[in-house]
Amino acid sequence: MIPLKDAYSLSRFPFWVVIIILINTYIFYLELAASSPEFFILQYSLIPAQVNLADVLTLLPFISSQFLHAGFLHIISNMLFLWVFGNNVEVGLGFLLFPIFYLLSGIVAALTQYLITPESSIPMLGASGAVAGVLGAYFALFPKHKIKTLLIIFVFVTIVDIPAYFLLFYWFITQFFSGVASINSVDGGIAFLPHIGGFLFGWLFAIPLLSKVQTLKLRLLS
């Protein structure tokens, strides 16, 4: 299932969502254009074993790693989810709060992985944790919205409207079981635990704002 569009978008321009997508795209270009992309990634990604809580410089990758990606599919999927779900969350949280929330979601997501595997030397990178926070906030604020979704079953391809609560709950469950299965893994690959941490943070963060968002929706519809 590939989300394509929120069937009901709040009528405000998603300034921060666009800015974040542009920043990620530009940094991905710098990554590809670097004389040594591997060194570029190692320099700015989060490596848990190198974290020293008493040294601020070793904590910077909790932010910088959020803007790195391992390939085209990685960045395209992250930016697609951010575009589909981020616009309404940005309106719901507000212009000033959204970028802070986004970065905090990424930090909490990375911290989740760090606390479970503090001795790991595998680089962590990607916007997935921060985007997961956006998904969690969307799950709290707009569960009944319909998401236009590309559904592919073998050779059958169609676009259907799926309730956000079903799509996001399905996403979370798959991440949860994949994350549990990967706890003892020593290989690289997708880090599912940050997705879980980011999603739960976004959900808990947004719940107190639910009444405000409902009022905002009524005002925009009137």
C-alpha atoms as a PDB file:
ATOM      1  CA  MET A   1       0.000   0.000   0.000  1.00  0.00           C
ATOM      2  CA  ILE A   2       1.449   3.332  -1.124  1.00  0.00           C
ATOM      3  CA  PRO A   3      -0.253   6.500   0.193  1.00  0.00           C
ATOM      4  CA  LEU A   4      -0.759   9.140  -2.476  1.00  0.00           C
ATOM      5  CA  LYS A   5      -2.914  11.919  -1.062  1.00  0.00           C
ATOM      6  CA  ASP A   6      -5.053  12.942   1.872  1.00  0.00           C
ATOM      7  CA  ALA A   7      -8.604  13.105   0.546  1.00  0.00           C
ATOM      8  CA  TYR A   8      -9.210  16.100   2.840  1.00  0.00           C
ATOM      9  CA  SER A   9      -6.392  18.618   3.153  1.00  0.00           C
ATOM     10  CA  LEU A  10      -6.619  21.656   5.402  1.00  0.00           C
ATOM     11  CA  SER A  11      -6.360  24.729   3.218  1.00  0.00           C
ATOM     12  CA  ARG A  12      -2.997  26.186   4.169  1.00  0.00           C
ATOM     13  CA  PHE A  13       0.318  26.023   2.338  1.00  0.00           C
ATOM     14  CA  PRO A  14       2.612  23.441   4.041  1.00  0.00           C
ATOM     15  CA  PHE A  15       5.624  25.762   4.288  1.00  0.00           C
ATOM     16  CA  TRP A  16       7.732  23.647   6.634  1.00  0.00           C
ATOM     17  CA  VAL A  17       6.937  20.389   4.863  1.00  0.00           C
ATOM     18  CA  VAL A  18       8.175  21.888   1.586  1.00  0.00           C
ATOM     19  CA  ILE A  19      11.284  23.354   3.260  1.00  0.00           C
ATOM     20  CA  ILE A  20      12.150  20.028   4.923  1.00  0.00           C
ATOM     21  CA  ILE A  21      11.730  18.165   1.621  1.00  0.00           C
ATOM     22  CA  LEU A  22      13.974  20.685  -0.158  1.00  0.00           C
ATOM     23  CA  ILE A  23      16.651  20.437   2.554  1.00  0.00           C
ATOM     24  CA  ASN A  24      16.624  16.650   2.432  1.00  0.00           C
ATOM     25  CA  THR A  25      16.831  16.695  -1.365  1.00  0.00           C
ATOM     26  CA  TYR A  26      19.756  19.143  -1.342  1.00  0.00           C
ATOM     27  CA  ILE A  27      21.700  17.181   1.273  1.00  0.00           C
ATOM     28  CA  PHE A  28      21.074  13.980  -0.685  1.00  0.00           C
ATOM     29  CA  TYR A  29      22.554  15.739  -3.726  1.00  0.00           C
ATOM     30  CA  LEU A  30      25.616  16.742  -1.664  1.00  0.00           C
ATOM     31  CA  GLU A  31      25.900  13.163  -0.481  1.00  0.00           C
ATOM     32  CA  LEU A  32      25.881  11.822  -4.056  1.00  0.00           C
ATOM     33  CA  ALA A  33      28.266  14.534  -5.274  1.00  0.00           C
ATOM     34  CA  ALA A  34      30.779  13.997  -2.464  1.00  0.00           C
ATOM     35  CA  SER A  35      34.160  12.577  -3.461  1.00  0.00           C
ATOM     36  CA  SER A  36      33.512   9.811  -0.926  1.00  0.00           C
ATOM     37  CA  PRO A  37      29.795   9.315  -0.199  1.00  0.00           C
ATOM     38  CA  GLU A  38      30.672   6.677   2.406  1.00  0.00           C
ATOM     39  CA  PHE A  39      32.850   9.127   4.339  1.00  0.00           C
ATOM     40  CA  PHE A  40      30.117  11.783   4.035  1.00  0.00           C
ATOM     41  CA  ILE A  41      27.620   9.370   5.591  1.00  0.00           C
ATOM     42  CA  LEU A  42      29.994   8.276   8.355  1.00  0.00           C
ATOM     43  CA  GLN A  43      30.742  11.905   9.206  1.00  0.00           C
ATOM     44  CA  TYR A  44      27.134  12.940   9.767  1.00  0.00           C
ATOM     45  CA  SER A  45      25.245   9.731  10.587  1.00  0.00           C
ATOM     46  CA  LEU A  46      24.567   8.561  14.127  1.00  0.00           C
ATOM     47  CA  ILE A  47      26.833   5.741  15.315  1.00  0.00           C
ATOM     48  CA  PRO A  48      25.652   4.710  18.799  1.00  0.00           C
ATOM     49  CA  ALA A  49      29.069   3.432  19.900  1.00  0.00           C
ATOM     50  CA  GLN A  50      30.558   6.894  19.281  1.00  0.00           C
ATOM     51  CA  VAL A  51      28.010   8.758  21.412  1.00  0.00           C
ATOM     52  CA  ASN A  52      29.353  10.359  24.566  1.00  0.00           C
ATOM     53  CA  LEU A  53      26.604  12.063  26.549  1.00  0.00           C
ATOM     54  CA  ALA A  54      29.205  14.372  28.119  1.00  0.00           C
ATOM     55  CA  ASP A  55      30.437  15.569  24.705  1.00  0.00           C
ATOM     56  CA  VAL A  56      27.982  17.821  22.840  1.00  0.00           C
ATOM     57  CA  LEU A  57      29.723  17.265  19.487  1.00  0.00           C
ATOM     58  CA  THR A  58      28.931  13.544  19.572  1.00  0.00           C
ATOM     59  CA  LEU A  59      25.248  14.409  20.080  1.00  0.00           C
ATOM     60  CA  LEU A  60      24.951  16.515  16.910  1.00  0.00           C
ATOM     61  CA  PRO A  61      24.366  13.422  14.710  1.00  0.00           C
ATOM     62  CA  PHE A  62      21.031  12.946  16.485  1.00  0.00           C
ATOM     63  CA  ILE A  63      19.987  15.860  14.243  1.00  0.00           C
ATOM     64  CA  SER A  64      22.302  15.663  11.222  1.00  0.00           C
ATOM     65  CA  SER A  65      21.533  11.970  10.625  1.00  0.00           C
ATOM     66  CA  GLN A  66      17.878  12.889  10.030  1.00  0.00           C
ATOM     67  CA  PHE A  67      18.810  14.519   6.725  1.00  0.00           C
ATOM     68  CA  LEU A  68      20.888  11.677   5.259  1.00  0.00           C
ATOM     69  CA  HIS A  69      19.557   8.837   3.112  1.00  0.00           C
ATOM     70  CA  ALA A  70      20.936   5.530   1.905  1.00  0.00           C
ATOM     71  CA  GLY A  71      19.545   5.703  -1.628  1.00  0.00           C
ATOM     72  CA  PHE A  72      16.836   6.972  -3.960  1.00  0.00           C
ATOM     73  CA  LEU A  73      14.141   4.602  -2.694  1.00  0.00           C
ATOM     74  CA  HIS A  74      14.945   5.607   0.896  1.00  0.00           C
ATOM     75  CA  ILE A  75      14.549   9.338   0.343  1.00  0.00           C
ATOM     76  CA  ILE A  76      11.602   9.053  -2.064  1.00  0.00           C
ATOM     77  CA  SER A  77       9.568   6.920   0.353  1.00  0.00           C
ATOM     78  CA  ASN A  78      10.334   9.192   3.318  1.00  0.00           C
ATOM     79  CA  MET A  79       9.511  12.385   1.454  1.00  0.00           C
ATOM     80  CA  LEU A  80       6.334  10.873  -0.009  1.00  0.00           C
ATOM     81  CA  PHE A  81       5.021   9.976   3.460  1.00  0.00           C
ATOM     82  CA  LEU A  82       6.021  13.419   4.756  1.00  0.00           C
ATOM     83  CA  TRP A  83       4.190  15.112   1.885  1.00  0.00           C
ATOM     84  CA  VAL A  84       1.010  13.061   2.238  1.00  0.00           C
ATOM     85  CA  PHE A  85       0.709  13.249   6.028  1.00  0.00           C
ATOM     86  CA  GLY A  86       2.762  16.306   6.926  1.00  0.00           C
ATOM     87  CA  ASN A  87       0.596  19.104   5.548  1.00  0.00           C
ATOM     88  CA  ASN A  88      -2.361  18.584   7.877  1.00  0.00           C
ATOM     89  CA  VAL A  89      -0.093  17.920  10.852  1.00  0.00           C
ATOM     90  CA  GLU A  90       1.749  21.188  10.167  1.00  0.00           C
ATOM     91  CA  VAL A  91      -1.548  23.091  10.146  1.00  0.00           C
ATOM     92  CA  GLY A  92      -2.723  21.264  13.264  1.00  0.00           C
ATOM     93  CA  LEU A  93       0.424  21.896  15.290  1.00  0.00           C
ATOM     94  CA  GLY A  94       0.988  25.415  14.041  1.00  0.00           C
ATOM     95  CA  PHE A  95       3.720  27.207  12.121  1.00  0.00           C
ATOM     96  CA  LEU A  96       6.127  27.634  15.042  1.00  0.00           C
ATOM     97  CA  LEU A  97       5.620  24.267  16.722  1.00  0.00           C
ATOM     98  CA  PHE A  98       5.812  21.956  13.706  1.00  0.00           C
ATOM     99  CA  PRO A  99       9.566  22.244  12.890  1.00  0.00           C
ATOM    100  CA  ILE A 100      10.436  21.807  16.578  1.00  0.00           C
ATOM    101  CA  PHE A 101       8.145  18.786  16.767  1.00  0.00           C
ATOM    102  CA  TYR A 102       9.679  17.305  13.609  1.00  0.00           C
ATOM    103  CA  LEU A 103      13.243  17.532  14.921  1.00  0.00           C
ATOM    104  CA  LEU A 104      12.224  16.235  18.362  1.00  0.00           C
ATOM    105  CA  SER A 105      10.521  13.252  16.731  1.00  0.00           C
ATOM    106  CA  GLY A 106      13.749  12.402  14.918  1.00  0.00           C
ATOM    107  CA  ILE A 107      15.793  12.796  18.092  1.00  0.00           C
ATOM    108  CA  VAL A 108      13.461  10.586  20.135  1.00  0.00           C
ATOM    109  CA  ALA A 109      13.420   8.017  17.337  1.00  0.00           C
ATOM    110  CA  ALA A 110      17.226   7.862  17.214  1.00  0.00           C
ATOM    111  CA  LEU A 111      17.404   7.805  21.012  1.00  0.00           C
ATOM    112  CA  THR A 112      15.138   4.742  21.009  1.00  0.00           C
ATOM    113  CA  GLN A 113      17.644   2.820  18.912  1.00  0.00           C
ATOM    114  CA  TYR A 114      20.605   4.177  20.889  1.00  0.00           C
ATOM    115  CA  LEU A 115      19.204   3.111  24.259  1.00  0.00           C
ATOM    116  CA  ILE A 116      18.578  -0.428  23.023  1.00  0.00           C
ATOM    117  CA  THR A 117      21.850  -0.867  21.096  1.00  0.00           C
ATOM    118  CA  PRO A 118      24.326   1.649  22.627  1.00  0.00           C
ATOM    119  CA  GLU A 119      27.377  -0.362  21.543  1.00  0.00           C
ATOM    120  CA  SER A 120      26.365  -0.655  17.887  1.00  0.00           C
ATOM    121  CA  SER A 121      28.849   0.581  15.301  1.00  0.00           C
ATOM    122  CA  ILE A 122      26.306   0.529  12.467  1.00  0.00           C
ATOM    123  CA  PRO A 123      25.565   4.050  11.130  1.00  0.00           C
ATOM    124  CA  MET A 124      21.978   5.242  11.561  1.00  0.00           C
ATOM    125  CA  LEU A 125      20.601   7.678   9.012  1.00  0.00           C
ATOM    126  CA  GLY A 126      17.385   8.832   7.421  1.00  0.00           C
ATOM    127  CA  ALA A 127      14.301  10.917   8.050  1.00  0.00           C
ATOM    128  CA  SER A 128      12.225   7.825   8.841  1.00  0.00           C
ATOM    129  CA  GLY A 129      12.114   8.451  12.603  1.00  0.00           C
ATOM    130  CA  ALA A 130      11.035  12.071  12.229  1.00  0.00           C
ATOM    131  CA  VAL A 131       8.476  11.134   9.577  1.00  0.00           C
ATOM    132  CA  ALA A 132       7.206   8.397  11.893  1.00  0.00           C
ATOM    133  CA  GLY A 133       6.547  11.143  14.450  1.00  0.00           C
ATOM    134  CA  VAL A 134       4.446  12.942  11.843  1.00  0.00           C
ATOM    135  CA  LEU A 135       2.516   9.714  11.214  1.00  0.00           C
ATOM    136  CA  GLY A 136       1.901   9.302  14.937  1.00  0.00           C
ATOM    137  CA  ALA A 137       0.589  12.859  15.202  1.00  0.00           C
ATOM    138  CA  TYR A 138      -1.645  12.285  12.183  1.00  0.00           C
ATOM    139  CA  PHE A 139      -2.987   9.092  13.785  1.00  0.00           C
ATOM    140  CA  ALA A 140      -3.959  11.123  16.865  1.00  0.00           C
ATOM    141  CA  LEU A 141      -5.372  14.165  15.091  1.00  0.00           C
ATOM    142  CA  PHE A 142      -6.955  12.909  11.863  1.00  0.00           C
ATOM    143  CA  PRO A 143      -7.779   9.194  12.268  1.00  0.00           C
ATOM    144  CA  LYS A 144     -10.981   9.385  10.196  1.00  0.00           C
ATOM    145  CA  HIS A 145      -9.454  11.078   7.177  1.00  0.00           C
ATOM    146  CA  LYS A 146      -9.419   9.000   4.013  1.00  0.00           C
ATOM    147  CA  ILE A 147      -6.071   8.432   2.295  1.00  0.00           C
ATOM    148  CA  LYS A 148      -5.987   7.818  -1.439  1.00  0.00           C
ATOM    149  CA  THR A 149      -3.763   4.750  -1.608  1.00  0.00           C
ATOM    150  CA  LEU A 150      -2.168   2.829  -4.449  1.00  0.00           C
ATOM    151  CA  LEU A 151      -2.987  -0.820  -3.858  1.00  0.00           C
ATOM    152  CA  ILE A 152      -0.945  -3.459  -5.672  1.00  0.00           C
ATOM    153  CA  ILE A 153      -1.905  -7.126  -5.357  1.00  0.00           C
ATOM    154  CA  PHE A 154       0.130  -9.213  -7.796  1.00  0.00           C
ATOM    155  CA  VAL A 155      -0.979  -7.852 -11.213  1.00  0.00           C
ATOM    156  CA  PHE A 156      -4.018  -6.030  -9.805  1.00  0.00           C
ATOM    157  CA  VAL A 157      -3.426  -2.293  -9.402  1.00  0.00           C
ATOM    158  CA  THR A 158      -5.993   0.230  -8.188  1.00  0.00           C
ATOM    159  CA  ILE A 159      -6.401   3.389  -6.119  1.00  0.00           C
ATOM    160  CA  VAL A 160      -8.685   3.167  -3.096  1.00  0.00           C
ATOM    161  CA  ASP A 161      -9.635   5.432  -0.192  1.00  0.00           C
ATOM    162  CA  ILE A 162      -8.432   3.882   3.064  1.00  0.00           C
ATOM    163  CA  PRO A 163      -9.176   5.330   6.527  1.00  0.00           C
ATOM    164  CA  ALA A 164      -6.053   6.830   8.055  1.00  0.00           C
ATOM    165  CA  TYR A 165      -6.472   4.887  11.301  1.00  0.00           C
ATOM    166  CA  PHE A 166      -6.400   1.564   9.414  1.00  0.00           C
ATOM    167  CA  LEU A 167      -3.460   2.471   7.184  1.00  0.00           C
ATOM    168  CA  LEU A 168      -1.350   3.884  10.023  1.00  0.00           C
ATOM    169  CA  PHE A 169      -2.243   1.118  12.481  1.00  0.00           C
ATOM    170  CA  TYR A 170      -1.212  -1.450   9.855  1.00  0.00           C
ATOM    171  CA  TRP A 171       2.044   0.476   9.291  1.00  0.00           C
ATOM    172  CA  PHE A 172       2.761   0.623  13.029  1.00  0.00           C
ATOM    173  CA  ILE A 173       2.098  -3.082  13.615  1.00  0.00           C
ATOM    174  CA  THR A 174       4.430  -4.090  10.780  1.00  0.00           C
ATOM    175  CA  GLN A 175       7.140  -1.790  12.184  1.00  0.00           C
ATOM    176  CA  PHE A 176       6.602  -3.128  15.701  1.00  0.00           C
ATOM    177  CA  PHE A 177       7.025  -6.789  14.839  1.00  0.00           C
ATOM    178  CA  SER A 178       9.920  -6.043  12.488  1.00  0.00           C
ATOM    179  CA  GLY A 179      11.556  -3.995  15.249  1.00  0.00           C
ATOM    180  CA  VAL A 180      11.169  -6.767  17.836  1.00  0.00           C
ATOM    181  CA  ALA A 181      12.614  -9.266  15.385  1.00  0.00           C
ATOM    182  CA  SER A 182      15.610  -7.013  14.672  1.00  0.00           C
ATOM    183  CA  ILE A 183      16.659  -6.359  18.289  1.00  0.00           C
ATOM    184  CA  ASN A 184      19.292  -9.094  18.311  1.00  0.00           C
ATOM    185  CA  SER A 185      20.378  -8.521  14.723  1.00  0.00           C
ATOM    186  CA  VAL A 186      23.955  -7.396  14.124  1.00  0.00           C
ATOM    187  CA  ASP A 187      23.500  -6.725  10.418  1.00  0.00           C
ATOM    188  CA  GLY A 188      22.773  -3.401   8.815  1.00  0.00           C
ATOM    189  CA  GLY A 189      19.531  -2.578   7.042  1.00  0.00           C
ATOM    190  CA  ILE A 190      16.325  -0.863   8.030  1.00  0.00           C
ATOM    191  CA  ALA A 191      16.230   0.259  11.663  1.00  0.00           C
ATOM    192  CA  PHE A 192      12.620  -0.364  12.695  1.00  0.00           C
ATOM    193  CA  LEU A 193      12.930   0.579  16.379  1.00  0.00           C
ATOM    194  CA  PRO A 194      13.311   4.325  15.644  1.00  0.00           C
ATOM    195  CA  HIS A 195      10.092   4.146  13.635  1.00  0.00           C
ATOM    196  CA  ILE A 196       8.286   2.808  16.702  1.00  0.00           C
ATOM    197  CA  GLY A 197       9.805   5.422  19.024  1.00  0.00           C
ATOM    198  CA  GLY A 198       9.079   8.269  16.634  1.00  0.00           C
ATOM    199  CA  PHE A 199       5.482   7.177  16.026  1.00  0.00           C
ATOM    200  CA  LEU A 200       4.671   6.817  19.742  1.00  0.00           C
ATOM    201  CA  PHE A 201       6.261  10.189  20.506  1.00  0.00           C
ATOM    202  CA  GLY A 202       4.244  11.893  17.757  1.00  0.00           C
ATOM    203  CA  TRP A 203       1.023  10.254  18.932  1.00  0.00           C
ATOM    204  CA  LEU A 204       1.529  11.225  22.585  1.00  0.00           C
ATOM    205  CA  PHE A 205       2.681  14.727  21.635  1.00  0.00           C
ATOM    206  CA  ALA A 206      -0.407  15.402  19.524  1.00  0.00           C
ATOM    207  CA  ILE A 207      -3.134  14.014  21.792  1.00  0.00           C
ATOM    208  CA  PRO A 208      -3.335  17.171  23.989  1.00  0.00           C
ATOM    209  CA  LEU A 209      -3.814  19.219  20.793  1.00  0.00           C
ATOM    210  CA  LEU A 210      -6.819  17.241  19.569  1.00  0.00           C
ATOM    211  CA  SER A 211      -9.475  19.723  20.739  1.00  0.00           C
ATOM    212  CA  LYS A 212      -7.549  22.617  19.186  1.00  0.00           C
ATOM    213  CA  VAL A 213      -7.363  20.828  15.829  1.00  0.00           C
ATOM    214  CA  GLN A 214     -11.062  19.988  15.859  1.00  0.00           C
ATOM    215  CA  THR A 215     -11.845  23.670  16.445  1.00  0.00           C
ATOM    216  CA  LEU A 216      -9.470  24.651  13.632  1.00  0.00           C
ATOM    217  CA  LYS A 217     -11.133  22.230  11.199  1.00  0.00           C
ATOM    218  CA  LEU A 218     -14.575  23.648  11.971  1.00  0.00           C
ATOM    219  CA  ARG A 219     -13.262  27.189  11.419  1.00  0.00           C
ATOM    220  CA  LEU A 220     -11.673  26.295   8.066  1.00  0.00           C
ATOM    221  CA  LEU A 221     -14.843  24.565   6.906  1.00  0.00           C
ATOM    222  CA  SER A 222     -17.106  27.481   7.861  1.00  0.00           C
END
